[in-house]
Amino acid sequence: MTENSSGVNAKCVGGPEFSTFTSEVDQKAIWYRTWHPPCGIETRAAVQITHGIAEYSARYDRLARFLAA
């Protein structure tokens, strides 16, 4: 089970789920968020949103929840 910071299963409420991976260039952590469809809804597609340098991923929460639903 994947839980968000409030202890709720993120995959059952549409996310977001936070994760990181390490850059192969400079070994820095790269943060990303994923939003999953609510429980019982099958994933039909994947969408990648890349934000600009002055933005942050939480700004796209409403859009991501809409697309995941």
C-alpha atoms as a PDB file:
ATOM      1  CA  MET A   1       0.000   0.000   0.000  1.00  0.00           C
ATOM      2  CA  THR A   2       1.282   3.466  -0.872  1.00  0.00           C
ATOM      3  CA  GLU A   3       0.416   6.163   1.655  1.00  0.00           C
ATOM      4  CA  ASN A   4       0.746   9.920   1.348  1.00  0.00           C
ATOM      5  CA  SER A   5       1.840  12.217   4.204  1.00  0.00           C
ATOM      6  CA  SER A   6      -1.638  12.037   5.787  1.00  0.00           C
ATOM      7  CA  GLY A   7      -1.544   8.216   5.924  1.00  0.00           C
ATOM      8  CA  VAL A   8      -4.212   7.783   3.213  1.00  0.00           C
ATOM      9  CA  ASN A   9      -3.686   5.256   0.432  1.00  0.00           C
ATOM     10  CA  ALA A  10      -2.671   7.612  -2.405  1.00  0.00           C
ATOM     11  CA  LYS A  11      -3.614   5.157  -5.153  1.00  0.00           C
ATOM     12  CA  CYS A  12      -7.235   5.018  -3.939  1.00  0.00           C
ATOM     13  CA  VAL A  13      -7.776   8.779  -3.853  1.00  0.00           C
ATOM     14  CA  GLY A  14      -6.000   9.758  -7.061  1.00  0.00           C
ATOM     15  CA  GLY A  15      -2.599  10.659  -5.562  1.00  0.00           C
ATOM     16  CA  PRO A  16      -0.284  12.372  -5.448  1.00  0.00           C
ATOM     17  CA  GLU A  17       2.438   9.893  -4.684  1.00  0.00           C
ATOM     18  CA  PHE A  18       5.970  11.299  -4.228  1.00  0.00           C
ATOM     19  CA  SER A  19       9.133   9.523  -5.350  1.00  0.00           C
ATOM     20  CA  THR A  20      12.735  10.255  -6.343  1.00  0.00           C
ATOM     21  CA  PHE A  21      15.418   8.871  -8.582  1.00  0.00           C
ATOM     22  CA  THR A  22      19.091   9.788  -8.852  1.00  0.00           C
ATOM     23  CA  SER A  23      20.378  11.773 -11.814  1.00  0.00           C
ATOM     24  CA  GLU A  24      23.083   9.929 -13.724  1.00  0.00           C
ATOM     25  CA  VAL A  25      24.731  13.266 -14.609  1.00  0.00           C
ATOM     26  CA  ASP A  26      25.366  14.810 -11.184  1.00  0.00           C
ATOM     27  CA  GLN A  27      23.970  12.216  -8.741  1.00  0.00           C
ATOM     28  CA  LYS A  28      21.304  14.665  -7.470  1.00  0.00           C
ATOM     29  CA  ALA A  29      17.872  13.498  -6.365  1.00  0.00           C
ATOM     30  CA  ILE A  30      15.102  14.204  -8.889  1.00  0.00           C
ATOM     31  CA  TRP A  31      11.658  14.455  -7.275  1.00  0.00           C
ATOM     32  CA  TYR A  32       8.475  13.528  -9.080  1.00  0.00           C
ATOM     33  CA  ARG A  33       4.808  12.999  -8.317  1.00  0.00           C
ATOM     34  CA  THR A  34       2.377  10.509  -9.738  1.00  0.00           C
ATOM     35  CA  TRP A  35      -1.402  10.559  -9.619  1.00  0.00           C
ATOM     36  CA  HIS A  36      -3.264   7.286 -10.041  1.00  0.00           C
ATOM     37  CA  PRO A  37      -6.906   6.716 -10.952  1.00  0.00           C
ATOM     38  CA  PRO A  38      -9.255   6.081  -8.013  1.00  0.00           C
ATOM     39  CA  CYS A  39      -9.562   2.442  -6.880  1.00  0.00           C
ATOM     40  CA  GLY A  40     -11.428   0.325  -9.386  1.00  0.00           C
ATOM     41  CA  ILE A  41     -10.592   2.549 -12.381  1.00  0.00           C
ATOM     42  CA  GLU A  42      -8.192   1.050 -14.928  1.00  0.00           C
ATOM     43  CA  THR A  43      -5.280   3.171 -16.167  1.00  0.00           C
ATOM     44  CA  ARG A  44      -5.833   4.035 -19.844  1.00  0.00           C
ATOM     45  CA  ALA A  45      -2.896   6.337 -20.584  1.00  0.00           C
ATOM     46  CA  ALA A  46       0.116   8.085 -19.117  1.00  0.00           C
ATOM     47  CA  VAL A  47       0.664  11.855 -19.272  1.00  0.00           C
ATOM     48  CA  GLN A  48       3.931  13.592 -18.437  1.00  0.00           C
ATOM     49  CA  ILE A  49       3.815  17.242 -17.373  1.00  0.00           C
ATOM     50  CA  THR A  50       7.170  18.999 -17.253  1.00  0.00           C
ATOM     51  CA  HIS A  51       7.086  22.317 -15.445  1.00  0.00           C
ATOM     52  CA  GLY A  52       9.333  25.325 -15.901  1.00  0.00           C
ATOM     53  CA  ILE A  53      12.161  26.406 -13.628  1.00  0.00           C
ATOM     54  CA  ALA A  54       9.992  28.910 -11.712  1.00  0.00           C
ATOM     55  CA  GLU A  55       7.157  26.428 -11.099  1.00  0.00           C
ATOM     56  CA  TYR A  56       6.596  23.338  -8.993  1.00  0.00           C
ATOM     57  CA  SER A  57       4.574  20.178  -9.529  1.00  0.00           C
ATOM     58  CA  ALA A  58       1.930  20.942  -6.882  1.00  0.00           C
ATOM     59  CA  ARG A  59       0.742  23.725  -9.165  1.00  0.00           C
ATOM     60  CA  TYR A  60      -0.629  21.015 -11.489  1.00  0.00           C
ATOM     61  CA  ASP A  61      -2.453  19.048  -8.794  1.00  0.00           C
ATOM     62  CA  ARG A  62      -5.950  20.005  -9.958  1.00  0.00           C
ATOM     63  CA  LEU A  63      -5.198  19.131 -13.589  1.00  0.00           C
ATOM     64  CA  ALA A  64      -3.508  15.851 -12.630  1.00  0.00           C
ATOM     65  CA  ARG A  65      -6.447  14.790 -10.426  1.00  0.00           C
ATOM     66  CA  PHE A  66      -8.843  15.593 -13.283  1.00  0.00           C
ATOM     67  CA  LEU A  67      -6.806  13.545 -15.765  1.00  0.00           C
ATOM     68  CA  ALA A  68      -6.457  10.634 -13.322  1.00  0.00           C
ATOM     69  CA  ALA A  69     -10.191  10.426 -12.602  1.00  0.00           C
END
